[in-house]
Structures are given as structure tokens and as C-alpha cells.
Amino acid sequence: MQKIWGHSSESALKGEDLREEVQLHLARHLGEPHIAFSDNDGWAGNTREPGPPVDVLVVPPEGERRFAYVCTFGSGLKKRPGDPIGGRIEFTLAVPQAGDAQADLAMLNLAANTVRQFAKLIHIQPIRVYAGETVQFSRNPRPILEGSNQIAFAFIEPCLPAPGFERLKLAGGESVLFWSPVPIDRDELDASSRYGAARFARGLAKAGVTEMVHAKRPSAARGAYGLRRPFLRLVQDYVRRVRTPGKSL
């Protein structure tokens, strides 16, 4: 479990060539991206936020693909020393687009803000970005999404674009790795601490968890996925179910 409360600053610079590589990578594996948010003042060195300027690229829904895909650009401008594979990272999430303009835009903004903040975060905090690692932003977190029990994030490899998307190979042997910070609930957060990041990541994959943001996603903290909850938690859930008719475990 990683708790992010402190701050320190660091900046990084690079040219437009990396942005073009990321955009081409998205186009090859999913669809043509558009710049939805640009840190224009930040690129000029005037941003008031900590960390580097970060843009958000969006691949809009197309044809039968009824979801939008958000991806950062700017996080990968900084190479992370000691990273075994390339040392550059960008973040992605997918959001369903159901045809309700207001609701769709709200979900898109939430996902875009989430990946953008993670892209800035890795420049100002030494967080670990590996499969199954979790991040909690406060000691008493509130639900990330309205109507959900999701209160933290776990890193997984992107699943929805075409195979091979998770790693963009650059000239000189470097790479950009793409990671998705998916919202997780309290039981899943407890499971990550109980079983460790590697087993937790396998459980999420077995449960079919992807980078799609979904407030009502069933919890992966189940014995069927190798993430059985403690007996006391099962008893507490049973009591709560009995007291709340119609609510399942």
C-alpha cells in the first residue's frame, strides 16, 4: 500500500517527437487520438501546479466501440532512474459513453483528471508503478465515484487496445510503459495488503478487471479469484446482507 501525502518537486523536459510517437501508438492500437486538455501555460514554464505540464489525449468512441480512451502525455518525459524497462510511464483509462451527453462528459472528465494527476504524481513522489501496487490518497478516503465503494487505485496493464499496446518501444532501446490506475474497493484494498501485489494483480486479471471505469463493478475480492476475504469480513457482510433485504454478498 502506498499512501501519498507528502510533496517534493522535480521537472523534466523533452520535445514533440515523443508526443508524436505516443499519438501514433494510440492510432495503431485503438484509434485516432485528439488533445482534450493541454497545459499550454505549463509548457511555457508558468504552471502553478506541482510537477510537469501534462496533456490528456482522448480516443473518442467509434463504430461498435462505445467507450472513450484517455491517455496522458508528459509523464513519460521524465526517465525514471533504475527502472528495468525504459523508465518512462504514461497512464490510461477507458470510460463508457452511453449517449447521455452530461453523464458521458462527467465520466470523461473524471478519467482524464485521474490519469493527469497520476502523471504529475510520479514526478513529485517516488511511487512504485507495478502490477497490483495500490495507491490511497488519504487516511480516510471517500468514494472515488458517486454511488460506488471504490476508495483507492490499483495499477494494471491496459487490456482494451490491441495486443502490444502496453509497451511503446523507442529508438535507442528505451520504452514507454502504459499503466492503468483502476479504482478498487475496500475489500480489494485489503486483499492487496493481505496477499501482496503479484497475487492481487493475478486476481484482478482472473476477475476480468480492465481499465474501464465502472462504479458498479463487482469486487474481485472473492475466493474464486484467489482473493478470499477474511472470515470476520465474511460474517460482517452476511450480517449486513440480512439487515438490508435485497443486497447480495
C-alpha atoms as a PDB file:
ATOM      1  CA  MET A   1       0.000   0.000   0.000  1.00  0.00           C
ATOM      2  CA  GLN A   2       1.328   3.415  -0.955  1.00  0.00           C
ATOM      3  CA  LYS A   3      -0.108   6.489   0.804  1.00  0.00           C
ATOM      4  CA  ILE A   4       0.514   9.791  -0.964  1.00  0.00           C
ATOM      5  CA  TRP A   5       0.518  12.763   1.410  1.00  0.00           C
ATOM      6  CA  GLY A   6       3.924  14.489   1.139  1.00  0.00           C
ATOM      7  CA  HIS A   7       5.267  16.667  -1.658  1.00  0.00           C
ATOM      8  CA  SER A   8       8.577  17.413  -3.328  1.00  0.00           C
ATOM      9  CA  SER A   9       9.119  18.860  -6.788  1.00  0.00           C
ATOM     10  CA  GLU A  10      11.058  17.875  -9.854  1.00  0.00           C
ATOM     11  CA  SER A  11      10.700  18.828 -13.526  1.00  0.00           C
ATOM     12  CA  ALA A  12      11.510  17.254 -16.883  1.00  0.00           C
ATOM     13  CA  LEU A  13      11.735  18.455 -20.474  1.00  0.00           C
ATOM     14  CA  LYS A  14      11.558  16.786 -23.892  1.00  0.00           C
ATOM     15  CA  GLY A  15      10.418  17.649 -27.434  1.00  0.00           C
ATOM     16  CA  GLU A  16       7.428  16.997 -29.674  1.00  0.00           C
ATOM     17  CA  ASP A  17       8.926  13.793 -31.067  1.00  0.00           C
ATOM     18  CA  LEU A  18       7.784  11.742 -28.078  1.00  0.00           C
ATOM     19  CA  ARG A  19       4.263  13.170 -28.288  1.00  0.00           C
ATOM     20  CA  GLU A  20       4.053  12.078 -31.928  1.00  0.00           C
ATOM     21  CA  GLU A  21       5.250   8.577 -31.015  1.00  0.00           C
ATOM     22  CA  VAL A  22       2.549   8.271 -28.339  1.00  0.00           C
ATOM     23  CA  GLN A  23      -0.159   9.527 -30.705  1.00  0.00           C
ATOM     24  CA  LEU A  24       0.905   7.098 -33.442  1.00  0.00           C
ATOM     25  CA  HIS A  25       0.984   4.273 -30.905  1.00  0.00           C
ATOM     26  CA  LEU A  26      -2.621   5.024 -29.886  1.00  0.00           C
ATOM     27  CA  ALA A  27      -3.714   5.269 -33.526  1.00  0.00           C
ATOM     28  CA  ARG A  28      -2.162   1.895 -34.392  1.00  0.00           C
ATOM     29  CA  HIS A  29      -3.651   0.043 -31.428  1.00  0.00           C
ATOM     30  CA  LEU A  30      -7.034   1.705 -30.896  1.00  0.00           C
ATOM     31  CA  GLY A  31      -7.948   4.847 -32.829  1.00  0.00           C
ATOM     32  CA  GLU A  32      -7.004   8.406 -33.742  1.00  0.00           C
ATOM     33  CA  PRO A  33      -6.388  10.490 -30.588  1.00  0.00           C
ATOM     34  CA  HIS A  34      -7.215  14.151 -30.026  1.00  0.00           C
ATOM     35  CA  ILE A  35      -5.713  16.520 -27.471  1.00  0.00           C
ATOM     36  CA  ALA A  36      -8.536  17.109 -24.979  1.00  0.00           C
ATOM     37  CA  PHE A  37      -6.525  19.075 -22.443  1.00  0.00           C
ATOM     38  CA  SER A  38      -3.244  20.909 -22.928  1.00  0.00           C
ATOM     39  CA  ASP A  39      -1.081  22.546 -20.275  1.00  0.00           C
ATOM     40  CA  ASN A  40      -0.272  25.443 -22.600  1.00  0.00           C
ATOM     41  CA  ASP A  41       0.964  27.750 -19.873  1.00  0.00           C
ATOM     42  CA  GLY A  42       2.765  24.843 -18.314  1.00  0.00           C
ATOM     43  CA  TRP A  43       4.731  24.149 -21.462  1.00  0.00           C
ATOM     44  CA  ALA A  44       5.945  27.726 -21.213  1.00  0.00           C
ATOM     45  CA  GLY A  45       7.087  27.080 -17.651  1.00  0.00           C
ATOM     46  CA  ASN A  46       4.285  29.023 -15.971  1.00  0.00           C
ATOM     47  CA  THR A  47       2.169  26.229 -14.490  1.00  0.00           C
ATOM     48  CA  ARG A  48       1.124  26.796 -10.874  1.00  0.00           C
ATOM     49  CA  GLU A  49       0.616  23.109 -10.165  1.00  0.00           C
ATOM     50  CA  PRO A  50       3.419  20.944  -8.787  1.00  0.00           C
ATOM     51  CA  GLY A  51       5.075  18.584 -11.234  1.00  0.00           C
ATOM     52  CA  PRO A  52       5.406  18.794 -15.007  1.00  0.00           C
ATOM     53  CA  PRO A  53       2.892  20.006 -17.590  1.00  0.00           C
ATOM     54  CA  VAL A  54       0.756  17.073 -18.718  1.00  0.00           C
ATOM     55  CA  ASP A  55      -1.605  16.835 -21.689  1.00  0.00           C
ATOM     56  CA  VAL A  56      -4.523  14.408 -21.966  1.00  0.00           C
ATOM     57  CA  LEU A  57      -5.160  12.626 -25.262  1.00  0.00           C
ATOM     58  CA  VAL A  58      -8.601  11.155 -25.962  1.00  0.00           C
ATOM     59  CA  VAL A  59      -9.594   8.492 -28.480  1.00  0.00           C
ATOM     60  CA  PRO A  60     -13.364   9.031 -28.967  1.00  0.00           C
ATOM     61  CA  PRO A  61     -15.901   6.210 -29.452  1.00  0.00           C
ATOM     62  CA  GLU A  62     -16.066   4.832 -32.974  1.00  0.00           C
ATOM     63  CA  GLY A  63     -18.333   2.217 -34.576  1.00  0.00           C
ATOM     64  CA  GLU A  64     -19.083  -0.617 -32.185  1.00  0.00           C
ATOM     65  CA  ARG A  65     -16.506   0.632 -29.675  1.00  0.00           C
ATOM     66  CA  ARG A  66     -18.751   2.533 -27.279  1.00  0.00           C
ATOM     67  CA  PHE A  67     -16.083   3.827 -24.958  1.00  0.00           C
ATOM     68  CA  ALA A  68     -13.626   6.708 -24.959  1.00  0.00           C
ATOM     69  CA  TYR A  69      -9.975   6.172 -24.086  1.00  0.00           C
ATOM     70  CA  VAL A  70      -7.869   8.726 -22.212  1.00  0.00           C
ATOM     71  CA  CYS A  71      -4.075   8.717 -22.164  1.00  0.00           C
ATOM     72  CA  THR A  72      -1.549  11.134 -20.711  1.00  0.00           C
ATOM     73  CA  PHE A  73       1.343  12.757 -22.459  1.00  0.00           C
ATOM     74  CA  GLY A  74       4.009  14.395 -20.321  1.00  0.00           C
ATOM     75  CA  SER A  75       4.613  11.797 -17.640  1.00  0.00           C
ATOM     76  CA  GLY A  76       6.985   9.901 -19.935  1.00  0.00           C
ATOM     77  CA  LEU A  77       9.118  12.983 -20.489  1.00  0.00           C
ATOM     78  CA  LYS A  78      10.985  12.022 -17.344  1.00  0.00           C
ATOM     79  CA  LYS A  79      13.026   8.844 -17.352  1.00  0.00           C
ATOM     80  CA  ARG A  80      12.825   7.076 -14.007  1.00  0.00           C
ATOM     81  CA  PRO A  81      16.337   6.040 -12.856  1.00  0.00           C
ATOM     82  CA  GLY A  82      16.688   2.363 -12.073  1.00  0.00           C
ATOM     83  CA  ASP A  83      13.519   1.322 -13.900  1.00  0.00           C
ATOM     84  CA  PRO A  84      14.296  -2.059 -15.522  1.00  0.00           C
ATOM     85  CA  ILE A  85      12.449  -1.355 -18.797  1.00  0.00           C
ATOM     86  CA  GLY A  86      12.966   2.062 -20.297  1.00  0.00           C
ATOM     87  CA  GLY A  87      11.960   4.122 -17.283  1.00  0.00           C
ATOM     88  CA  ARG A  88       9.168   6.151 -18.958  1.00  0.00           C
ATOM     89  CA  ILE A  89       5.493   5.844 -17.997  1.00  0.00           C
ATOM     90  CA  GLU A  90       2.139   7.157 -19.226  1.00  0.00           C
ATOM     91  CA  PHE A  91      -1.319   6.434 -17.790  1.00  0.00           C
ATOM     92  CA  THR A  92      -4.590   5.326 -19.424  1.00  0.00           C
ATOM     93  CA  LEU A  93      -8.244   4.696 -18.564  1.00  0.00           C
ATOM     94  CA  ALA A  94     -11.384   3.870 -20.541  1.00  0.00           C
ATOM     95  CA  VAL A  95     -14.856   5.299 -19.919  1.00  0.00           C
ATOM     96  CA  PRO A  96     -18.185   4.044 -21.305  1.00  0.00           C
ATOM     97  CA  GLN A  97     -20.138   6.502 -23.446  1.00  0.00           C
ATOM     98  CA  ALA A  98     -23.820   5.604 -23.215  1.00  0.00           C
ATOM     99  CA  GLY A  99     -25.294   8.517 -25.148  1.00  0.00           C
ATOM    100  CA  ASP A 100     -26.185  10.743 -22.183  1.00  0.00           C
ATOM    101  CA  ALA A 101     -24.104  13.820 -23.030  1.00  0.00           C
ATOM    102  CA  GLN A 102     -23.914  15.207 -19.492  1.00  0.00           C
ATOM    103  CA  ALA A 103     -23.153  11.890 -17.799  1.00  0.00           C
ATOM    104  CA  ASP A 104     -20.685  10.866 -20.514  1.00  0.00           C
ATOM    105  CA  LEU A 105     -18.799  14.152 -20.178  1.00  0.00           C
ATOM    106  CA  ALA A 106     -18.672  13.848 -16.386  1.00  0.00           C
ATOM    107  CA  MET A 107     -17.154  10.369 -16.620  1.00  0.00           C
ATOM    108  CA  LEU A 108     -14.699  11.506 -19.280  1.00  0.00           C
ATOM    109  CA  ASN A 109     -13.584  14.453 -17.154  1.00  0.00           C
ATOM    110  CA  LEU A 110     -13.151  12.211 -14.101  1.00  0.00           C
ATOM    111  CA  ALA A 111     -10.987   9.736 -16.023  1.00  0.00           C
ATOM    112  CA  ALA A 112      -8.949  12.493 -17.664  1.00  0.00           C
ATOM    113  CA  ASN A 113      -8.301  14.200 -14.342  1.00  0.00           C
ATOM    114  CA  THR A 114      -7.339  10.881 -12.732  1.00  0.00           C
ATOM    115  CA  VAL A 115      -4.695   9.928 -15.285  1.00  0.00           C
ATOM    116  CA  ARG A 116      -3.383  13.503 -15.404  1.00  0.00           C
ATOM    117  CA  GLN A 117      -2.888  13.625 -11.642  1.00  0.00           C
ATOM    118  CA  PHE A 118      -1.099  10.275 -11.663  1.00  0.00           C
ATOM    119  CA  ALA A 119       1.147  11.526 -14.468  1.00  0.00           C
ATOM    120  CA  LYS A 120       2.088  14.538 -12.352  1.00  0.00           C
ATOM    121  CA  LEU A 121       2.346  12.467  -9.184  1.00  0.00           C
ATOM    122  CA  ILE A 122       5.180  10.221 -10.318  1.00  0.00           C
ATOM    123  CA  HIS A 123       7.320  13.326 -10.824  1.00  0.00           C
ATOM    124  CA  ILE A 124       6.855  14.553  -7.264  1.00  0.00           C
ATOM    125  CA  GLN A 125       6.583  11.264  -5.330  1.00  0.00           C
ATOM    126  CA  PRO A 126       8.681   8.077  -5.596  1.00  0.00           C
ATOM    127  CA  ILE A 127       5.687   5.771  -6.049  1.00  0.00           C
ATOM    128  CA  ARG A 128       6.048   2.229  -7.370  1.00  0.00           C
ATOM    129  CA  VAL A 129       4.201   1.571 -10.618  1.00  0.00           C
ATOM    130  CA  TYR A 130       3.917  -2.202 -10.998  1.00  0.00           C
ATOM    131  CA  ALA A 131       1.025  -4.609 -11.490  1.00  0.00           C
ATOM    132  CA  GLY A 132      -1.068  -4.898  -8.344  1.00  0.00           C
ATOM    133  CA  GLU A 133       0.504  -1.976  -6.484  1.00  0.00           C
ATOM    134  CA  THR A 134      -2.106   0.247  -4.837  1.00  0.00           C
ATOM    135  CA  VAL A 135      -2.366   3.948  -4.031  1.00  0.00           C
ATOM    136  CA  GLN A 136      -4.585   5.560  -1.406  1.00  0.00           C
ATOM    137  CA  PHE A 137      -4.720   9.364  -1.307  1.00  0.00           C
ATOM    138  CA  SER A 138      -5.926   9.957   2.248  1.00  0.00           C
ATOM    139  CA  ARG A 139      -6.194   8.212   5.589  1.00  0.00           C
ATOM    140  CA  ASN A 140      -9.995   8.267   5.400  1.00  0.00           C
ATOM    141  CA  PRO A 141     -10.780   8.145   1.682  1.00  0.00           C
ATOM    142  CA  ARG A 142     -14.181   8.923   0.244  1.00  0.00           C
ATOM    143  CA  PRO A 143     -15.662   7.022  -2.715  1.00  0.00           C
ATOM    144  CA  ILE A 144     -13.999   7.984  -5.978  1.00  0.00           C
ATOM    145  CA  LEU A 145     -17.212   7.600  -7.960  1.00  0.00           C
ATOM    146  CA  GLU A 146     -20.698   8.573  -6.849  1.00  0.00           C
ATOM    147  CA  GLY A 147     -22.665   5.520  -5.815  1.00  0.00           C
ATOM    148  CA  SER A 148     -19.615   3.268  -5.551  1.00  0.00           C
ATOM    149  CA  ASN A 149     -17.485   1.783  -2.771  1.00  0.00           C
ATOM    150  CA  GLN A 150     -14.232   2.355  -4.634  1.00  0.00           C
ATOM    151  CA  ILE A 151     -11.801   4.314  -2.453  1.00  0.00           C
ATOM    152  CA  ALA A 152      -8.308   3.639  -3.844  1.00  0.00           C
ATOM    153  CA  PHE A 153      -6.458   2.689  -7.043  1.00  0.00           C
ATOM    154  CA  ALA A 154      -4.514  -0.332  -8.295  1.00  0.00           C
ATOM    155  CA  PHE A 155      -2.164  -0.414 -11.274  1.00  0.00           C
ATOM    156  CA  ILE A 156      -2.878  -2.910 -14.048  1.00  0.00           C
ATOM    157  CA  GLU A 157      -1.644  -3.270 -17.614  1.00  0.00           C
ATOM    158  CA  PRO A 158      -4.081  -1.887 -20.213  1.00  0.00           C
ATOM    159  CA  CYS A 159      -6.272  -4.619 -21.729  1.00  0.00           C
ATOM    160  CA  LEU A 160      -8.644  -2.923 -24.182  1.00  0.00           C
ATOM    161  CA  PRO A 161      -6.388  -1.719 -27.048  1.00  0.00           C
ATOM    162  CA  ALA A 162      -4.839  -4.208 -29.482  1.00  0.00           C
ATOM    163  CA  PRO A 163      -2.153  -6.564 -28.099  1.00  0.00           C
ATOM    164  CA  GLY A 164       1.226  -4.960 -27.583  1.00  0.00           C
ATOM    165  CA  PHE A 165      -0.131  -1.561 -26.563  1.00  0.00           C
ATOM    166  CA  GLU A 166       1.252  -1.743 -23.025  1.00  0.00           C
ATOM    167  CA  ARG A 167       4.802  -1.034 -24.243  1.00  0.00           C
ATOM    168  CA  LEU A 168       5.924   1.526 -26.819  1.00  0.00           C
ATOM    169  CA  LYS A 169       9.471   0.858 -27.990  1.00  0.00           C
ATOM    170  CA  LEU A 170      11.545   3.958 -28.736  1.00  0.00           C
ATOM    171  CA  ALA A 171      14.792   4.462 -30.601  1.00  0.00           C
ATOM    172  CA  GLY A 172      17.904   3.658 -28.605  1.00  0.00           C
ATOM    173  CA  GLY A 173      16.346   0.741 -26.767  1.00  0.00           C
ATOM    174  CA  GLU A 174      14.124   2.832 -24.478  1.00  0.00           C
ATOM    175  CA  SER A 175      10.414   2.253 -23.936  1.00  0.00           C
ATOM    176  CA  VAL A 176       7.299   3.967 -22.663  1.00  0.00           C
ATOM    177  CA  LEU A 177       5.187   1.718 -20.447  1.00  0.00           C
ATOM    178  CA  PHE A 178       1.440   2.325 -20.189  1.00  0.00           C
ATOM    179  CA  TRP A 179      -0.345   1.637 -16.895  1.00  0.00           C
ATOM    180  CA  SER A 180      -3.959   1.985 -15.818  1.00  0.00           C
ATOM    181  CA  PRO A 181      -4.868   3.157 -12.279  1.00  0.00           C
ATOM    182  CA  VAL A 182      -8.202   1.371 -11.801  1.00  0.00           C
ATOM    183  CA  PRO A 183     -10.491   2.246  -8.861  1.00  0.00           C
ATOM    184  CA  ILE A 184     -10.755  -0.504  -6.222  1.00  0.00           C
ATOM    185  CA  ASP A 185     -12.993  -1.009  -3.193  1.00  0.00           C
ATOM    186  CA  ARG A 186     -12.102  -1.571   0.461  1.00  0.00           C
ATOM    187  CA  ASP A 187     -12.192  -5.368   0.208  1.00  0.00           C
ATOM    188  CA  GLU A 188      -9.852  -5.272  -2.791  1.00  0.00           C
ATOM    189  CA  LEU A 189      -7.543  -2.856  -0.989  1.00  0.00           C
ATOM    190  CA  ASP A 190      -7.430  -5.211   1.992  1.00  0.00           C
ATOM    191  CA  ALA A 191      -6.762  -8.148  -0.342  1.00  0.00           C
ATOM    192  CA  SER A 192      -3.774  -6.356  -1.871  1.00  0.00           C
ATOM    193  CA  SER A 193      -2.263  -5.956   1.607  1.00  0.00           C
ATOM    194  CA  ARG A 194      -3.154  -9.497   2.628  1.00  0.00           C
ATOM    195  CA  TYR A 195      -1.879 -11.324  -0.464  1.00  0.00           C
ATOM    196  CA  GLY A 196       0.712  -8.971  -1.978  1.00  0.00           C
ATOM    197  CA  ALA A 197       0.818  -7.086  -5.280  1.00  0.00           C
ATOM    198  CA  ALA A 198       1.622 -10.020  -7.592  1.00  0.00           C
ATOM    199  CA  ARG A 199      -1.205 -12.256  -6.360  1.00  0.00           C
ATOM    200  CA  PHE A 200      -3.578  -9.301  -6.235  1.00  0.00           C
ATOM    201  CA  ALA A 201      -2.803  -8.461  -9.872  1.00  0.00           C
ATOM    202  CA  ARG A 202      -3.476 -12.071 -10.884  1.00  0.00           C
ATOM    203  CA  GLY A 203      -6.784 -11.984  -9.019  1.00  0.00           C
ATOM    204  CA  LEU A 204      -7.870  -8.792 -10.770  1.00  0.00           C
ATOM    205  CA  ALA A 205      -6.991 -10.318 -14.146  1.00  0.00           C
ATOM    206  CA  LYS A 206      -8.857 -13.541 -13.324  1.00  0.00           C
ATOM    207  CA  ALA A 207     -11.902 -11.475 -12.347  1.00  0.00           C
ATOM    208  CA  GLY A 208     -11.794  -9.757 -15.739  1.00  0.00           C
ATOM    209  CA  VAL A 209     -10.952  -6.308 -14.373  1.00  0.00           C
ATOM    210  CA  THR A 210      -9.859  -3.913 -17.133  1.00  0.00           C
ATOM    211  CA  GLU A 211      -9.085  -0.202 -17.325  1.00  0.00           C
ATOM    212  CA  MET A 212     -12.794   0.538 -17.914  1.00  0.00           C
ATOM    213  CA  VAL A 213     -14.096   2.872 -15.173  1.00  0.00           C
ATOM    214  CA  HIS A 214     -17.191   1.227 -13.709  1.00  0.00           C
ATOM    215  CA  ALA A 215     -18.803   2.409 -10.456  1.00  0.00           C
ATOM    216  CA  LYS A 216     -20.781  -0.822 -10.018  1.00  0.00           C
ATOM    217  CA  ARG A 217     -18.031  -3.276 -10.928  1.00  0.00           C
ATOM    218  CA  PRO A 218     -18.306  -6.441  -8.794  1.00  0.00           C
ATOM    219  CA  SER A 219     -15.483  -6.760  -6.301  1.00  0.00           C
ATOM    220  CA  ALA A 220     -12.628  -9.100  -7.220  1.00  0.00           C
ATOM    221  CA  ALA A 221     -12.034  -9.871  -3.531  1.00  0.00           C
ATOM    222  CA  ARG A 222     -13.508 -13.370  -3.791  1.00  0.00           C
ATOM    223  CA  GLY A 223     -12.185 -16.849  -3.188  1.00  0.00           C
ATOM    224  CA  ALA A 224     -12.940 -17.750  -6.810  1.00  0.00           C
ATOM    225  CA  TYR A 225     -10.227 -15.306  -7.885  1.00  0.00           C
ATOM    226  CA  GLY A 226      -7.709 -16.326  -5.221  1.00  0.00           C
ATOM    227  CA  LEU A 227      -8.504 -13.271  -3.080  1.00  0.00           C
ATOM    228  CA  ARG A 228     -10.695 -14.696  -0.330  1.00  0.00           C
ATOM    229  CA  ARG A 229     -11.792 -12.192   2.285  1.00  0.00           C
ATOM    230  CA  PRO A 230     -11.015 -12.862   5.985  1.00  0.00           C
ATOM    231  CA  PHE A 231     -13.669 -14.893   7.828  1.00  0.00           C
ATOM    232  CA  LEU A 232     -14.603 -11.911  10.029  1.00  0.00           C
ATOM    233  CA  ARG A 233     -15.272  -9.765   6.965  1.00  0.00           C
ATOM    234  CA  LEU A 234     -17.484 -12.510   5.501  1.00  0.00           C
ATOM    235  CA  VAL A 235     -19.503 -12.623   8.737  1.00  0.00           C
ATOM    236  CA  GLN A 236     -19.842  -8.821   8.759  1.00  0.00           C
ATOM    237  CA  ASP A 237     -21.049  -8.866   5.148  1.00  0.00           C
ATOM    238  CA  TYR A 238     -23.549 -11.615   5.948  1.00  0.00           C
ATOM    239  CA  VAL A 239     -24.978  -9.628   8.871  1.00  0.00           C
ATOM    240  CA  ARG A 240     -25.197  -6.512   6.711  1.00  0.00           C
ATOM    241  CA  ARG A 241     -26.951  -8.514   3.985  1.00  0.00           C
ATOM    242  CA  VAL A 242     -29.523  -9.866   6.450  1.00  0.00           C
ATOM    243  CA  ARG A 243     -30.224  -6.358   7.730  1.00  0.00           C
ATOM    244  CA  THR A 244     -30.518  -4.965   4.189  1.00  0.00           C
ATOM    245  CA  PRO A 245     -33.026  -7.085   2.180  1.00  0.00           C
ATOM    246  CA  GLY A 246     -32.166  -7.394  -1.485  1.00  0.00           C
ATOM    247  CA  LYS A 247     -28.444  -6.735  -1.029  1.00  0.00           C
ATOM    248  CA  SER A 248     -26.169  -9.589  -2.114  1.00  0.00           C
ATOM    249  CA  LEU A 249     -22.776 -10.560  -0.784  1.00  0.00           C
END
